[in-house]
Amino acid sequence: MRQTGRQHVRDATAGERVTVSMTRTTTTDRVFDSLRESIVSGEFPPGSLHSIYRLADLLEVSRTPVREAVLRLADIGLVSVERNRGVRIRGVTAADVREVFELRLLLEVPAAAHAAANADASTVAAIVGELDRMREHADADDEVQFTEHDRALHQAVAGAMGNPRLQAEIATLRDSIQSRGASTIRRSRGMVELAGEHAPIVEAIAMRDPAAAAAHMEAHLVRTATLLMEQVAVDGVEVVDPAWSEALRGHLYLPARPTTSEPPTQ
């Protein structure tokens, strides 16, 4: 059952108070977490407008930590502050997810194929090691560490190309969704299942099979995006097309080029 914003903050602020300065910092952090969860869960839907006064009253805190939390939410794109009007919820839309994952497909599918064809033994070992760590933390139900090694696995695959800018772009795209609280973990799939999706990617890279590595990376990214879009889509407003990636799929690769140096015939 979904908690209300008031319930979120009651749970978040339970416990002993220490000092005034520590209480303010802690309250801001907890108000931030509470508001972000309310946005991501859909309790505060995209487009809705809220005043600082109303939020402070709802969360039973002073206006200062709410203002500070709202500024942090604005920094990561979850809200916009409208002068003399209040706080407008932006949230994560299905369109946001689709745009990010279209770019990730264009970058990470070829990167997986490249890793399978060209990664050295130490890089392959690092990729395998990250999958092992993901499995360990999934078994331990440690979402924070699991997510860190999930991220590290994708970075290691991209790193096989030896292009730090590629790694940075992939990390930025990933963060543009995850830092805003959107995740499939504990919502539409578990960590064990998610680790299992990574296994065939890693196995294909270890087996030096570029086509399989690309296919499995594509399948993983498409499934992740589709689940996320279904989670954040506003009922009656956003419709998720299950075939959203089909048009892109046929153009992820250029046709095989002839081995001769002669240009192709017109």
Protein backbone atom coordinates (compact mmCIF):
# COMPACT_ATOMS: atom_id res chain seq x y z
CA MET A 1 0.00 0.00 0.00
CA ARG A 2 1.32 3.43 -0.92
CA GLN A 3 2.16 5.72 1.96
CA THR A 4 1.07 9.34 1.95
CA GLY A 5 3.63 12.13 2.10
CA ARG A 6 2.65 12.70 5.72
CA GLN A 7 3.30 9.03 6.53
CA HIS A 8 6.60 9.10 4.67
CA VAL A 9 7.93 11.96 6.70
CA ARG A 10 6.59 10.63 9.98
CA ASP A 11 8.53 7.45 9.40
CA ALA A 12 11.56 9.38 8.17
CA THR A 13 11.75 11.76 11.10
CA ALA A 14 11.19 9.16 13.81
CA GLY A 15 14.06 8.82 16.27
CA GLU A 16 16.06 10.90 18.66
CA ARG A 17 17.05 14.49 17.92
CA VAL A 18 20.68 15.33 18.55
CA THR A 19 21.67 18.95 17.97
CA VAL A 20 19.81 21.77 16.25
CA SER A 21 22.26 21.91 13.34
CA MET A 22 22.24 18.14 12.87
CA THR A 23 18.45 18.07 13.09
CA ARG A 24 18.12 20.63 10.28
CA THR A 25 20.49 18.69 8.01
CA THR A 26 18.85 15.37 8.80
CA THR A 27 15.35 16.75 8.35
CA THR A 28 16.25 18.22 4.95
CA ASP A 29 17.67 14.90 3.81
CA ARG A 30 14.61 13.04 5.00
CA VAL A 31 12.17 15.52 3.51
CA PHE A 32 14.07 15.22 0.23
CA ASP A 33 13.78 11.41 0.32
CA SER A 34 10.11 11.60 1.25
CA LEU A 35 9.22 14.06 -1.52
CA ARG A 36 11.23 12.14 -4.10
CA GLU A 37 9.44 8.91 -3.21
CA SER A 38 6.07 10.65 -3.43
CA ILE A 39 6.99 11.96 -6.89
CA VAL A 40 8.40 8.70 -8.23
CA SER A 41 5.53 6.64 -6.81
CA GLY A 42 3.00 8.91 -8.53
CA GLU A 43 1.46 10.22 -5.32
CA PHE A 44 2.45 13.68 -6.55
CA PRO A 45 1.71 13.33 -10.28
CA PRO A 46 3.62 15.19 -13.01
CA GLY A 47 2.17 18.64 -13.62
CA SER A 48 0.70 19.05 -10.14
CA LEU A 49 1.45 22.29 -8.29
CA HIS A 50 2.26 22.51 -4.59
CA SER A 51 3.11 25.39 -2.28
CA ILE A 52 6.01 25.29 0.17
CA TYR A 53 3.50 26.10 2.92
CA ARG A 54 1.27 23.17 1.97
CA LEU A 55 4.19 20.75 1.78
CA ALA A 56 5.53 21.90 5.14
CA ASP A 57 2.12 21.39 6.67
CA LEU A 58 1.66 18.02 5.00
CA LEU A 59 5.05 16.79 6.18
CA GLU A 60 4.74 18.41 9.60
CA VAL A 61 8.07 20.23 9.37
CA SER A 62 9.14 23.85 9.07
CA ARG A 63 9.35 25.58 5.70
CA THR A 64 13.16 25.81 5.72
CA PRO A 65 13.97 22.11 5.17
CA VAL A 66 11.19 21.93 2.57
CA ARG A 67 12.72 24.84 0.62
CA GLU A 68 16.16 23.21 0.80
CA ALA A 69 14.80 19.84 -0.28
CA VAL A 70 12.86 21.43 -3.17
CA LEU A 71 16.03 23.10 -4.47
CA ARG A 72 17.76 19.72 -4.48
CA LEU A 73 14.82 18.17 -6.31
CA ALA A 74 15.01 20.97 -8.88
CA ASP A 75 18.72 20.27 -9.39
CA ILE A 76 17.97 16.70 -10.49
CA GLY A 77 15.01 17.70 -12.63
CA LEU A 78 12.13 16.31 -10.57
CA VAL A 79 10.49 19.69 -9.95
CA SER A 80 10.56 23.24 -11.23
CA VAL A 81 10.06 26.25 -8.98
CA GLU A 82 7.56 28.75 -10.37
CA ARG A 83 7.80 32.22 -8.90
CA ASN A 84 4.74 33.29 -6.91
CA ARG A 85 3.05 30.01 -7.77
CA GLY A 86 4.87 27.14 -6.06
CA VAL A 87 6.56 23.87 -6.93
CA ARG A 88 5.60 22.13 -10.16
CA ILE A 89 6.16 18.36 -10.23
CA ARG A 90 8.07 17.21 -13.30
CA GLY A 91 8.76 13.62 -12.33
CA VAL A 92 10.17 11.08 -14.74
CA THR A 93 7.98 10.66 -17.79
CA ALA A 94 7.76 7.73 -20.16
CA ALA A 95 9.19 10.05 -22.82
CA ASP A 96 12.22 10.75 -20.59
CA VAL A 97 12.88 7.03 -20.21
CA ARG A 98 12.47 6.34 -23.91
CA GLU A 99 14.83 9.12 -24.96
CA VAL A 100 17.52 8.01 -22.51
CA PHE A 101 17.31 4.35 -23.47
CA GLU A 102 17.29 5.05 -27.20
CA LEU A 103 20.68 6.68 -26.67
CA ARG A 104 21.87 3.88 -24.40
CA LEU A 105 20.93 1.33 -27.07
CA LEU A 106 22.92 3.22 -29.68
CA LEU A 107 25.97 3.29 -27.39
CA GLU A 108 25.88 0.11 -25.33
CA VAL A 109 24.81 -2.48 -27.90
CA PRO A 110 27.81 -1.83 -30.17
CA ALA A 111 30.00 -1.50 -27.06
CA ALA A 112 29.02 -5.00 -25.96
CA ALA A 113 29.84 -6.39 -29.41
CA HIS A 114 33.18 -4.58 -29.34
CA ALA A 115 33.99 -5.95 -25.89
CA ALA A 116 33.29 -9.51 -27.05
CA ALA A 117 35.56 -9.07 -30.05
CA ASN A 118 38.38 -7.03 -28.56
CA ALA A 119 38.46 -6.96 -24.74
CA ASP A 120 41.69 -8.22 -23.21
CA ALA A 121 41.71 -10.99 -20.61
CA SER A 122 41.87 -8.61 -17.65
CA THR A 123 38.85 -6.65 -18.88
CA VAL A 124 36.84 -9.84 -19.39
CA ALA A 125 37.82 -10.96 -15.89
CA ALA A 126 36.68 -7.62 -14.49
CA ILE A 127 33.30 -7.91 -16.25
CA VAL A 128 32.84 -11.46 -14.94
CA GLY A 129 33.82 -10.29 -11.47
CA GLU A 130 31.20 -7.55 -11.46
CA LEU A 131 28.49 -10.08 -12.32
CA ASP A 132 29.70 -12.28 -9.44
CA ARG A 133 29.45 -9.32 -7.07
CA MET A 134 25.95 -8.52 -8.35
CA ARG A 135 24.86 -12.07 -7.58
CA GLU A 136 26.39 -11.97 -4.11
CA HIS A 137 24.64 -8.72 -3.21
CA ALA A 138 21.36 -9.93 -4.72
CA ASP A 139 21.52 -12.96 -2.43
CA ALA A 140 22.29 -10.64 0.50
CA ASP A 141 19.39 -8.33 -0.47
CA ASP A 142 21.79 -5.36 -0.54
CA GLU A 143 20.29 -3.01 -3.12
CA VAL A 144 22.89 -0.25 -2.73
CA GLN A 145 25.87 -2.50 -3.39
CA PHE A 146 24.01 -4.43 -6.07
CA THR A 147 23.32 -1.19 -7.94
CA GLU A 148 26.95 -0.11 -7.64
CA HIS A 149 28.19 -3.33 -9.25
CA ASP A 150 25.46 -3.19 -11.90
CA ARG A 151 26.79 0.24 -12.82
CA ALA A 152 30.40 -1.00 -12.70
CA LEU A 153 29.58 -3.90 -15.03
CA HIS A 154 28.16 -1.59 -17.68
CA GLN A 155 31.16 0.70 -17.27
CA ALA A 156 33.58 -2.22 -17.67
CA VAL A 157 31.85 -3.34 -20.88
CA ALA A 158 32.06 0.18 -22.30
CA GLY A 159 35.64 0.49 -21.04
CA ALA A 160 36.79 -2.25 -23.40
CA MET A 161 36.77 0.36 -26.15
CA GLY A 162 39.33 2.48 -24.31
CA ASN A 163 37.21 5.60 -24.71
CA PRO A 164 36.61 7.42 -21.39
CA ARG A 165 34.13 9.77 -23.05
CA LEU A 166 31.94 6.81 -24.00
CA GLN A 167 31.95 5.63 -20.38
CA ALA A 168 31.12 9.13 -19.16
CA GLU A 169 28.19 9.49 -21.56
CA ILE A 170 26.74 6.14 -20.53
CA ALA A 171 27.12 7.02 -16.84
CA THR A 172 25.43 10.39 -17.40
CA LEU A 173 22.50 8.80 -19.22
CA ARG A 174 22.10 6.21 -16.49
CA ASP A 175 22.25 8.84 -13.74
CA SER A 176 19.70 11.05 -15.49
CA ILE A 177 17.09 8.39 -14.66
CA GLN A 178 18.41 6.73 -11.51
CA SER A 179 19.27 9.93 -9.64
CA ARG A 180 15.62 10.89 -9.99
CA GLY A 181 14.56 7.76 -8.14
CA ALA A 182 13.28 5.66 -11.05
CA SER A 183 14.23 2.01 -10.66
CA THR A 184 12.69 -1.37 -11.43
CA ILE A 185 14.21 -3.00 -8.34
CA ARG A 186 11.52 -4.00 -5.84
CA ARG A 187 8.89 -2.52 -8.12
CA SER A 188 8.71 -4.66 -11.25
CA ARG A 189 11.55 -7.16 -10.75
CA GLY A 190 13.99 -8.37 -8.15
CA MET A 191 17.76 -8.23 -7.96
CA VAL A 192 18.19 -11.94 -8.66
CA GLU A 193 16.15 -11.61 -11.85
CA LEU A 194 18.09 -8.52 -12.89
CA ALA A 195 21.43 -10.23 -12.33
CA GLY A 196 20.14 -13.09 -14.45
CA GLU A 197 19.53 -10.69 -17.33
CA HIS A 198 23.18 -9.66 -17.23
CA ALA A 199 24.50 -13.22 -17.21
CA PRO A 200 24.08 -13.97 -20.96
CA ILE A 201 25.73 -10.64 -21.83
CA VAL A 202 28.77 -11.53 -19.75
CA GLU A 203 28.85 -15.11 -21.01
CA ALA A 204 28.77 -13.95 -24.63
CA ILE A 205 31.65 -11.54 -24.00
CA ALA A 206 33.65 -14.28 -22.28
CA MET A 207 32.91 -16.64 -25.20
CA ARG A 208 34.02 -13.97 -27.69
CA ASP A 209 30.65 -13.90 -29.45
CA PRO A 210 29.97 -10.29 -30.55
CA ALA A 211 26.56 -10.98 -32.11
CA ALA A 212 25.27 -12.70 -28.98
CA ALA A 213 26.71 -10.02 -26.68
CA ALA A 214 24.98 -7.31 -28.69
CA ALA A 215 21.67 -9.20 -28.80
CA HIS A 216 21.63 -9.84 -25.06
CA MET A 217 22.61 -6.26 -24.20
CA GLU A 218 19.83 -5.02 -26.45
CA ALA A 219 17.28 -7.34 -24.86
CA HIS A 220 18.32 -6.23 -21.37
CA LEU A 221 18.10 -2.51 -22.15
CA VAL A 222 14.79 -2.83 -23.99
CA ARG A 223 13.24 -4.78 -21.11
CA THR A 224 14.55 -2.31 -18.52
CA ALA A 225 13.23 0.67 -20.46
CA THR A 226 9.85 -0.92 -21.07
CA LEU A 227 9.39 -1.76 -17.38
CA LEU A 228 10.40 1.76 -16.36
CA MET A 229 8.08 3.37 -18.89
CA GLU A 230 5.19 1.24 -17.66
CA GLN A 231 5.97 2.27 -14.08
CA VAL A 232 6.08 6.01 -14.67
CA ALA A 233 3.46 6.38 -17.41
CA VAL A 234 0.51 8.51 -16.35
CA ASP A 235 -2.76 6.60 -16.77
CA GLY A 236 -4.82 7.97 -19.61
CA VAL A 237 -2.05 10.33 -20.70
CA GLU A 238 0.98 8.25 -21.68
CA VAL A 239 0.68 4.97 -23.55
CA VAL A 240 3.70 2.68 -23.71
CA ASP A 241 4.12 1.01 -27.09
CA PRO A 242 5.56 -2.48 -26.43
CA ALA A 243 7.25 -2.29 -29.83
CA TRP A 244 8.87 1.10 -29.09
CA SER A 245 12.37 -0.12 -29.98
CA GLU A 246 11.54 -1.89 -33.24
CA ALA A 247 12.18 1.08 -35.53
CA LEU A 248 15.53 1.69 -33.87
CA ARG A 249 16.54 -1.98 -33.84
CA GLY A 250 16.94 -2.23 -37.59
CA HIS A 251 19.41 0.64 -37.62
CA LEU A 252 21.72 -0.12 -34.70
CA TYR A 253 24.43 -1.39 -37.03
CA LEU A 254 25.75 -0.50 -40.41
CA PRO A 255 25.69 -3.37 -42.93
CA ALA A 256 28.91 -5.35 -43.12
CA ARG A 257 31.34 -3.51 -45.31
CA PRO A 258 33.20 -5.26 -48.13
CA THR A 259 36.73 -6.31 -47.25
CA THR A 260 38.07 -4.80 -50.49
CA SER A 261 39.24 -1.21 -50.47
CA GLU A 262 37.11 -0.46 -53.51
CA PRO A 263 33.99 1.66 -52.86
CA PRO A 264 30.67 -0.16 -53.14
CA THR A 265 28.99 -0.03 -56.54
CA GLN A 266 26.24 2.52 -56.93
